[in-house]
Amino acid sequence: MLSHARWQPPMKVAFIRYRYDPFGGAERFTQMLVERLSARGAEVHLYARKWSAQPPAGVIVHRVGGPSRPSILGYASFVFLVGHAVRKIPFDIIQSNERTLCQDVYRAGDGVHARWLELRARRMTRLRRLSLRVNPFHAFRLWLERRLFEDPGLRAVIVNSNMVRAEILSRFRIDPDRIVTITNGVDLNRFHPSRREREGLDLRRRLGVPDEEMVALFVGSGFDRKGLAYAIQGLAESAVPARLWVVGKGRVDRYRDLCRRLGLEPRVEFWGPRQDTAPFYAAADVFLLPTLYDPFPSVILEAMASGLPVITTAQCGASEIIVPGREGFILEYPEQTSRIAECLEALGAWEKRRRMGREARVRAEGFPWERTVRELEELYDHLMSERV
């Protein structure tokens, strides 16, 4: 049980992230937490090598220099240099969203790298699996991951799904009491079914999408890991003439070529990265994310809060909150494109997807952002009381 004793400001806390990107779920998570801690009087520092957006107001930003290429040198130098930088200031808590060796708290938002490599290798040829095994970048990250989780100085690991908790416990020597499950939260006002009438229908009409035509939405950066190719193939196999909207950052040439080969060019639209994705949820009918591996993507909760039924995989930690057939569907593996097609066909009936969308909204209401922040505050209070 976490202590509810309150720390006395000003508390000094440092956050570590290699790249601070406004389109990432981890960055949105960090930004909300930083704003809450600042409101409580904390002195907040952000350590990053790169950022493509202005960090939250009041945050003291530290740029961690060093090379970016090759990738192993870039990451290794960041681990060394950020460790040196944070030791210059007597912080009460250092939280890292990256695999480093200087943190008190590690948020395992990216899951377990060893598990991701296993899942990735299953879909590779023998030669590519060999190249993956001898790749020095992955070897370094695996070494770093083990050092991090088995470090006796690590005070807490935050995971956002039971899936990741189980993966950590099965691979590393770590006290289970140091692993704290805090699921992601969602802004239930920003992502709300009522936005469909206000914005969603207007967006569809401006784009020439008939009211009766089903729109499947894919939101995520890193298209390969998120399973975009499987989403496109599933759409091609479906008897429902649905559209697919792709929102996120990534190279699209390969996927445009796939659409051309499958005759889907008029039905698949690439929107690029967007800071405000709420209008797309409001205009869509179904959320489709056949991800290869994802600890707990915030986009699942955003879609459910917007009233969309979800199609995702068992390798997605957010599948833990979905009852198949009630709030959505869960694929055993992302490459089950015929199963994706069946799910799209099942949701082709307007009444069914609306009913499942209402259930999805009810389920999402159990994960308000305020609860996530409160649980994080309780963890910080507990760590501070331990230190006192």
Protein backbone atom coordinates (compact mmCIF):
# COMPACT_ATOMS: atom_id res chain seq x y z
CA MET A 1 0.00 0.00 0.00
CA LEU A 2 1.40 3.39 -0.98
CA SER A 3 1.81 6.03 1.69
CA HIS A 4 -0.41 9.10 1.41
CA ALA A 5 2.02 11.39 3.23
CA ARG A 6 2.61 14.56 1.19
CA TRP A 7 6.04 15.82 0.27
CA GLN A 8 6.84 19.40 1.17
CA PRO A 9 7.67 21.60 -1.83
CA PRO A 10 9.84 22.58 -3.41
CA MET A 11 10.63 19.06 -4.54
CA LYS A 12 13.22 18.74 -7.30
CA VAL A 13 12.39 16.12 -9.92
CA ALA A 14 14.11 15.29 -13.20
CA PHE A 15 12.58 13.60 -16.24
CA ILE A 16 14.74 11.93 -18.88
CA ARG A 17 13.69 11.38 -22.50
CA TYR A 18 16.01 10.97 -25.50
CA ARG A 19 13.67 12.73 -27.91
CA TYR A 20 10.83 14.98 -26.74
CA ASP A 21 8.25 14.72 -29.52
CA PRO A 22 4.74 16.24 -29.24
CA PHE A 23 3.24 13.33 -31.18
CA GLY A 24 4.37 10.62 -28.76
CA GLY A 25 2.11 9.13 -26.12
CA ALA A 26 4.97 9.08 -23.59
CA GLU A 27 5.52 12.81 -24.08
CA ARG A 28 1.84 13.64 -23.59
CA PHE A 29 1.93 11.51 -20.45
CA THR A 30 5.05 13.31 -19.18
CA GLN A 31 3.66 16.73 -20.03
CA MET A 32 0.48 16.21 -18.01
CA LEU A 33 2.44 14.88 -15.04
CA VAL A 34 4.90 17.76 -15.21
CA GLU A 35 2.09 20.32 -15.23
CA ARG A 36 0.51 18.69 -12.18
CA LEU A 37 3.80 18.55 -10.26
CA SER A 38 4.56 22.17 -11.15
CA ALA A 39 1.14 23.18 -9.82
CA ARG A 40 2.10 21.53 -6.53
CA GLY A 41 5.23 23.65 -6.35
CA ALA A 42 7.79 21.16 -7.62
CA GLU A 43 10.89 22.29 -9.48
CA VAL A 44 10.84 20.22 -12.66
CA HIS A 45 13.78 19.59 -15.00
CA LEU A 46 13.70 17.87 -18.40
CA TYR A 47 16.81 16.22 -19.85
CA ALA A 48 16.65 15.43 -23.58
CA ARG A 49 18.93 15.31 -26.60
CA LYS A 50 16.33 16.49 -29.08
CA TRP A 51 12.92 18.09 -28.92
CA SER A 52 10.61 19.15 -31.71
CA ALA A 53 8.16 21.05 -29.53
CA GLN A 54 8.29 23.53 -26.70
CA PRO A 55 8.32 21.69 -23.34
CA PRO A 56 5.71 22.73 -20.76
CA ALA A 57 5.98 26.24 -19.31
CA GLY A 58 8.06 26.49 -16.17
CA VAL A 59 10.17 23.42 -16.92
CA ILE A 60 13.94 23.84 -16.81
CA VAL A 61 15.28 22.20 -19.97
CA HIS A 62 18.73 20.66 -20.26
CA ARG A 63 20.05 19.62 -23.65
CA VAL A 64 22.17 16.48 -23.50
CA GLY A 65 24.69 16.80 -26.32
CA GLY A 66 26.59 14.10 -28.12
CA PRO A 67 26.56 12.32 -31.50
CA SER A 68 23.43 10.87 -33.10
CA ARG A 69 25.14 8.46 -35.51
CA PRO A 70 25.77 5.59 -35.53
CA SER A 71 22.75 4.65 -33.43
CA ILE A 72 24.69 2.64 -30.84
CA LEU A 73 27.13 5.51 -30.26
CA GLY A 74 24.27 7.99 -30.09
CA TYR A 75 22.36 6.04 -27.48
CA ALA A 76 25.39 4.94 -25.45
CA SER A 77 26.70 8.50 -25.30
CA PHE A 78 23.28 9.72 -24.13
CA VAL A 79 23.21 7.14 -21.32
CA PHE A 80 26.67 8.24 -20.15
CA LEU A 81 26.19 11.99 -20.56
CA VAL A 82 22.72 12.22 -19.01
CA GLY A 83 23.97 10.24 -16.01
CA HIS A 84 26.80 12.74 -15.60
CA ALA A 85 24.43 15.72 -16.03
CA VAL A 86 21.79 14.73 -13.47
CA ARG A 87 24.42 14.17 -10.78
CA LYS A 88 25.23 17.89 -10.80
CA ILE A 89 21.92 18.70 -9.09
CA PRO A 90 20.63 17.04 -5.89
CA PHE A 91 17.29 15.76 -7.17
CA ASP A 92 14.70 14.16 -4.92
CA ILE A 93 13.48 11.89 -7.71
CA ILE A 94 14.91 11.11 -11.15
CA GLN A 95 12.42 9.46 -13.47
CA SER A 96 13.54 8.13 -16.83
CA ASN A 97 11.36 7.11 -19.75
CA GLU A 98 14.52 5.70 -21.35
CA ARG A 99 16.76 2.77 -20.44
CA THR A 100 19.46 4.60 -18.50
CA LEU A 101 21.54 3.89 -15.40
CA CYS A 102 20.91 6.97 -13.24
CA GLN A 103 17.18 6.85 -12.48
CA ASP A 104 15.28 6.27 -9.25
CA VAL A 105 12.09 5.51 -11.18
CA TYR A 106 11.86 3.91 -14.61
CA ARG A 107 8.64 4.08 -16.60
CA ALA A 108 8.66 1.05 -18.89
CA GLY A 109 6.41 2.68 -21.47
CA ASP A 110 8.26 0.90 -24.29
CA GLY A 111 7.85 -2.51 -22.68
CA VAL A 112 10.62 -5.11 -22.67
CA HIS A 113 13.09 -4.87 -25.54
CA ALA A 114 13.96 -8.57 -25.33
CA ARG A 115 10.31 -9.49 -25.80
CA TRP A 116 9.94 -7.13 -28.77
CA LEU A 117 12.98 -8.70 -30.45
CA GLU A 118 11.49 -12.18 -29.97
CA LEU A 119 8.20 -11.18 -31.59
CA ARG A 120 10.01 -9.38 -34.38
CA ALA A 121 12.32 -12.33 -35.09
CA ARG A 122 9.35 -14.67 -35.59
CA ARG A 123 8.46 -12.78 -38.75
CA MET A 124 11.99 -12.75 -40.20
CA THR A 125 14.01 -15.03 -42.43
CA ARG A 126 16.85 -17.01 -40.82
CA LEU A 127 19.45 -14.62 -42.25
CA ARG A 128 17.68 -11.54 -40.91
CA ARG A 129 17.28 -13.18 -37.51
CA LEU A 130 21.03 -13.76 -37.45
CA SER A 131 21.74 -10.12 -38.34
CA LEU A 132 19.38 -9.04 -35.57
CA ARG A 133 21.16 -11.26 -33.05
CA VAL A 134 24.63 -9.84 -33.85
CA ASN A 135 23.49 -6.22 -34.17
CA PRO A 136 25.58 -4.26 -31.60
CA PHE A 137 22.80 -1.72 -31.01
CA HIS A 138 20.36 -4.40 -29.85
CA ALA A 139 23.09 -6.18 -27.87
CA PHE A 140 23.79 -2.95 -26.00
CA ARG A 141 20.11 -2.32 -25.29
CA LEU A 142 19.65 -5.85 -23.97
CA TRP A 143 22.67 -5.45 -21.67
CA LEU A 144 21.39 -2.06 -20.53
CA GLU A 145 17.89 -3.40 -19.93
CA ARG A 146 19.19 -6.15 -17.64
CA ARG A 147 21.45 -3.74 -15.75
CA LEU A 148 18.53 -1.36 -15.27
CA PHE A 149 15.95 -3.84 -13.97
CA GLU A 150 18.43 -5.66 -11.72
CA ASP A 151 20.00 -2.49 -10.30
CA PRO A 152 19.54 -2.56 -6.49
CA GLY A 153 19.37 1.25 -6.50
CA LEU A 154 16.26 1.28 -8.71
CA ARG A 155 13.43 2.31 -6.41
CA ALA A 156 10.40 1.72 -8.63
CA VAL A 157 9.37 0.55 -12.10
CA ILE A 158 6.12 1.91 -13.51
CA VAL A 159 4.34 -0.38 -15.96
CA ASN A 160 1.05 0.38 -17.68
CA SER A 161 -0.21 -3.17 -18.22
CA ASN A 162 -0.11 -6.55 -16.52
CA MET A 163 1.40 -7.91 -19.72
CA VAL A 164 4.59 -5.88 -19.23
CA ARG A 165 4.71 -6.65 -15.51
CA ALA A 166 4.65 -10.38 -16.26
CA GLU A 167 7.34 -10.01 -18.94
CA ILE A 168 9.67 -8.21 -16.53
CA LEU A 169 9.18 -10.71 -13.70
CA SER A 170 9.76 -13.67 -16.03
CA ARG A 171 13.12 -12.35 -17.28
CA PHE A 172 14.83 -10.32 -14.59
CA ARG A 173 15.80 -10.63 -10.92
CA ILE A 174 13.69 -7.86 -9.44
CA ASP A 175 11.57 -7.49 -6.32
CA PRO A 176 7.89 -7.67 -7.45
CA ASP A 177 7.04 -4.98 -4.88
CA ARG A 178 9.13 -2.50 -6.85
CA ILE A 179 6.90 -2.87 -9.92
CA VAL A 180 3.88 -0.56 -9.80
CA THR A 181 1.09 -0.91 -12.36
CA ILE A 182 -0.37 2.47 -13.30
CA THR A 183 -2.47 2.26 -16.45
CA ASN A 184 -2.69 5.13 -18.87
CA GLY A 185 -5.53 7.59 -18.51
CA VAL A 186 -7.55 9.59 -21.00
CA ASP A 187 -9.11 13.04 -21.12
CA LEU A 188 -12.78 12.06 -21.12
CA ASN A 189 -13.94 15.53 -22.14
CA ARG A 190 -11.57 16.00 -25.04
CA PHE A 191 -12.32 12.52 -26.38
CA HIS A 192 -16.09 12.21 -26.23
CA PRO A 193 -18.79 10.71 -28.51
CA SER A 194 -20.63 14.04 -28.59
CA ARG A 195 -17.87 15.44 -30.81
CA ARG A 196 -19.20 13.30 -33.65
CA GLU A 197 -22.25 15.50 -34.08
CA ARG A 198 -20.27 18.72 -33.61
CA GLU A 199 -17.12 17.99 -35.63
CA GLY A 200 -17.06 14.45 -36.97
CA LEU A 201 -19.95 14.70 -39.40
CA ASP A 202 -18.72 18.08 -40.61
CA LEU A 203 -15.26 16.65 -41.34
CA ARG A 204 -16.77 13.71 -43.22
CA ARG A 205 -18.91 16.00 -45.37
CA ARG A 206 -15.99 18.29 -46.17
CA LEU A 207 -14.03 15.22 -47.30
CA GLY A 208 -16.94 13.81 -49.28
CA VAL A 209 -17.44 10.72 -47.09
CA PRO A 210 -21.07 9.54 -47.11
CA ASP A 211 -22.71 9.12 -43.70
CA GLU A 212 -23.33 5.43 -44.34
CA GLU A 213 -19.72 4.60 -45.38
CA MET A 214 -17.58 3.03 -42.65
CA VAL A 215 -14.27 4.70 -41.79
CA ALA A 216 -11.62 2.65 -39.96
CA LEU A 217 -9.02 4.77 -38.18
CA PHE A 218 -5.36 3.89 -37.52
CA VAL A 219 -3.38 6.22 -35.23
CA GLY A 220 0.24 5.57 -34.35
CA SER A 221 3.84 6.29 -35.25
CA GLY A 222 6.22 3.51 -36.22
CA PHE A 223 4.01 1.91 -38.85
CA ASP A 224 5.89 -1.39 -38.99
CA ARG A 225 5.54 -2.18 -35.28
CA LYS A 226 1.95 -0.88 -35.20
CA GLY A 227 0.95 -3.34 -37.94
CA LEU A 228 -0.17 -0.91 -40.65
CA ALA A 229 0.57 -3.41 -43.44
CA TYR A 230 -1.78 -5.93 -41.80
CA ALA A 231 -4.48 -3.27 -41.43
CA ILE A 232 -4.28 -2.51 -45.15
CA GLN A 233 -4.33 -6.19 -46.13
CA GLY A 234 -7.28 -6.84 -43.84
CA LEU A 235 -9.16 -3.97 -45.46
CA ALA A 236 -8.45 -5.46 -48.89
CA GLU A 237 -9.86 -8.85 -47.84
CA SER A 238 -13.00 -7.39 -46.28
CA ALA A 239 -16.31 -7.44 -48.14
CA VAL A 240 -17.17 -4.08 -46.54
CA PRO A 241 -16.15 -1.16 -48.80
CA ALA A 242 -14.70 0.78 -45.87
CA ARG A 243 -12.08 3.51 -45.88
CA LEU A 244 -8.89 3.56 -43.81
CA TRP A 245 -7.49 6.78 -42.40
CA VAL A 246 -3.87 6.64 -41.23
CA VAL A 247 -2.74 9.30 -38.76
CA GLY A 248 0.83 9.25 -37.50
CA LYS A 249 4.48 9.77 -38.26
CA GLY A 250 6.33 7.38 -40.52
CA ARG A 251 7.57 6.71 -44.05
CA VAL A 252 4.55 6.02 -46.23
CA ASP A 253 6.09 5.05 -49.60
CA ARG A 254 6.04 1.32 -48.86
CA TYR A 255 2.44 1.47 -47.72
CA ARG A 256 1.31 3.54 -50.70
CA ASP A 257 2.88 0.88 -52.95
CA LEU A 258 0.98 -1.82 -51.05
CA CYS A 259 -2.28 0.10 -51.53
CA ARG A 260 -1.59 0.38 -55.27
CA ARG A 261 -0.93 -3.36 -55.58
CA LEU A 262 -4.15 -4.15 -53.71
CA GLY A 263 -6.24 -1.60 -55.60
CA LEU A 264 -6.95 0.40 -52.42
CA GLU A 265 -5.51 3.80 -53.38
CA PRO A 266 -8.87 5.63 -53.34
CA ARG A 267 -9.82 4.09 -49.97
CA VAL A 268 -6.65 4.67 -47.89
CA GLU A 269 -5.64 8.20 -46.89
CA PHE A 270 -2.44 9.19 -45.08
CA TRP A 271 -2.82 12.27 -42.89
CA GLY A 272 0.64 12.46 -41.34
CA PRO A 273 1.28 13.33 -37.68
CA ARG A 274 -1.33 15.51 -35.96
CA GLN A 275 -1.15 17.15 -32.56
CA ASP A 276 -4.95 17.13 -32.30
CA THR A 277 -6.32 13.73 -33.24
CA ALA A 278 -9.73 14.18 -31.60
CA PRO A 279 -11.51 15.27 -34.85
CA PHE A 280 -10.39 12.05 -36.57
CA TYR A 281 -11.81 9.89 -33.79
CA ALA A 282 -15.02 11.92 -33.99
CA ALA A 283 -15.33 11.26 -37.73
CA ALA A 284 -14.39 7.55 -37.68
CA ASP A 285 -16.53 4.48 -37.00
CA VAL A 286 -13.95 1.84 -35.96
CA PHE A 287 -10.43 1.93 -34.53
CA LEU A 288 -7.97 -0.55 -36.04
CA LEU A 289 -4.51 -1.21 -34.54
CA PRO A 290 -3.15 -4.72 -35.32
CA THR A 291 0.08 -3.97 -33.46
CA LEU A 292 2.97 -6.44 -33.21
CA TYR A 293 3.87 -5.26 -29.71
CA ASP A 294 2.55 -2.37 -27.64
CA PRO A 295 2.61 -2.13 -23.82
CA PHE A 296 -0.52 0.06 -23.57
CA PRO A 297 -1.02 2.63 -26.35
CA SER A 298 -2.96 5.69 -25.26
CA VAL A 299 -4.70 5.74 -28.64
CA ILE A 300 -6.77 2.70 -27.62
CA LEU A 301 -8.27 4.61 -24.69
CA GLU A 302 -8.74 7.73 -26.82
CA ALA A 303 -10.67 5.71 -29.38
CA MET A 304 -12.82 3.99 -26.77
CA ALA A 305 -13.52 7.29 -25.00
CA SER A 306 -14.62 8.69 -28.37
CA GLY A 307 -17.14 5.86 -28.69
CA LEU A 308 -15.30 3.64 -31.20
CA PRO A 309 -15.14 -0.15 -31.06
CA VAL A 310 -11.53 -1.35 -31.22
CA ILE A 311 -9.77 -4.08 -33.20
CA THR A 312 -6.32 -4.88 -31.78
CA THR A 313 -4.08 -7.81 -30.86
CA ALA A 314 -3.24 -9.91 -27.81
CA GLN A 315 0.27 -8.41 -27.99
CA CYS A 316 -1.24 -5.05 -27.05
CA GLY A 317 -1.42 -4.44 -23.29
CA ALA A 318 -4.62 -2.44 -23.72
CA SER A 319 -6.38 -5.63 -24.85
CA GLU A 320 -6.63 -6.40 -21.12
CA ILE A 321 -9.48 -3.89 -20.79
CA ILE A 322 -11.46 -5.17 -23.81
CA VAL A 323 -14.03 -7.94 -23.69
CA PRO A 324 -14.16 -9.49 -27.19
CA GLY A 325 -17.50 -8.86 -28.80
CA ARG A 326 -18.45 -6.15 -26.31
CA GLU A 327 -16.02 -3.21 -26.72
CA GLY A 328 -14.16 -4.62 -29.70
CA PHE A 329 -12.23 -7.61 -31.02
CA ILE A 330 -8.82 -9.09 -30.16
CA LEU A 331 -6.67 -10.86 -32.75
CA GLU A 332 -4.40 -13.66 -31.58
CA TYR A 333 -1.70 -12.40 -33.96
CA PRO A 334 -1.52 -9.27 -36.14
CA GLU A 335 -0.98 -11.22 -39.37
CA GLN A 336 -4.48 -12.70 -39.13
CA THR A 337 -5.67 -10.48 -41.95
CA SER A 338 -8.67 -12.69 -42.71
CA ARG A 339 -9.73 -12.22 -39.08
CA ILE A 340 -9.33 -8.43 -39.46
CA ALA A 341 -11.61 -8.66 -42.50
CA GLU A 342 -14.18 -10.65 -40.49
CA CYS A 343 -14.13 -8.06 -37.70
CA LEU A 344 -14.65 -5.21 -40.16
CA GLU A 345 -17.54 -7.10 -41.71
CA ALA A 346 -19.06 -7.73 -38.27
CA LEU A 347 -18.91 -3.99 -37.63
CA GLY A 348 -20.39 -3.18 -41.01
CA ALA A 349 -23.84 -2.97 -39.42
CA TRP A 350 -24.35 0.56 -38.10
CA GLU A 351 -26.35 -0.55 -35.06
CA LYS A 352 -23.73 -3.08 -33.97
CA ARG A 353 -20.80 -0.70 -34.10
CA ARG A 354 -22.82 1.99 -32.31
CA ARG A 355 -23.76 -0.46 -29.55
CA MET A 356 -20.15 -1.60 -29.16
CA GLY A 357 -19.01 2.01 -29.28
CA ARG A 358 -21.29 2.85 -26.35
CA GLU A 359 -19.82 -0.06 -24.38
CA ALA A 360 -16.31 1.14 -25.26
CA ARG A 361 -17.11 4.60 -23.88
CA VAL A 362 -18.42 3.14 -20.63
CA ARG A 363 -15.24 1.08 -20.24
CA ALA A 364 -13.01 4.08 -20.96
CA GLU A 365 -14.76 6.09 -18.25
CA GLY A 366 -13.01 3.84 -15.74
CA PHE A 367 -9.63 5.27 -16.83
CA PRO A 368 -9.82 9.05 -16.36
CA TRP A 369 -6.55 10.91 -16.62
CA GLU A 370 -7.12 12.25 -13.09
CA ARG A 371 -6.87 8.75 -11.66
CA THR A 372 -3.56 8.10 -13.41
CA VAL A 373 -2.09 11.34 -12.08
CA ARG A 374 -3.37 10.62 -8.57
CA GLU A 375 -1.72 7.19 -8.57
CA LEU A 376 1.55 8.69 -9.80
CA GLU A 377 1.38 11.33 -7.07
CA GLU A 378 0.84 8.59 -4.49
CA LEU A 379 3.92 6.77 -5.78
CA TYR A 380 5.99 9.96 -5.55
CA ASP A 381 4.67 10.62 -2.03
CA HIS A 382 5.60 7.09 -1.02
CA LEU A 383 9.14 7.43 -2.40
CA MET A 384 9.58 10.81 -0.73
CA SER A 385 8.36 9.49 2.63
CA GLU A 386 10.79 6.58 2.33
CA ARG A 387 13.65 8.99 1.74
CA VAL A 388 12.64 11.11 4.74
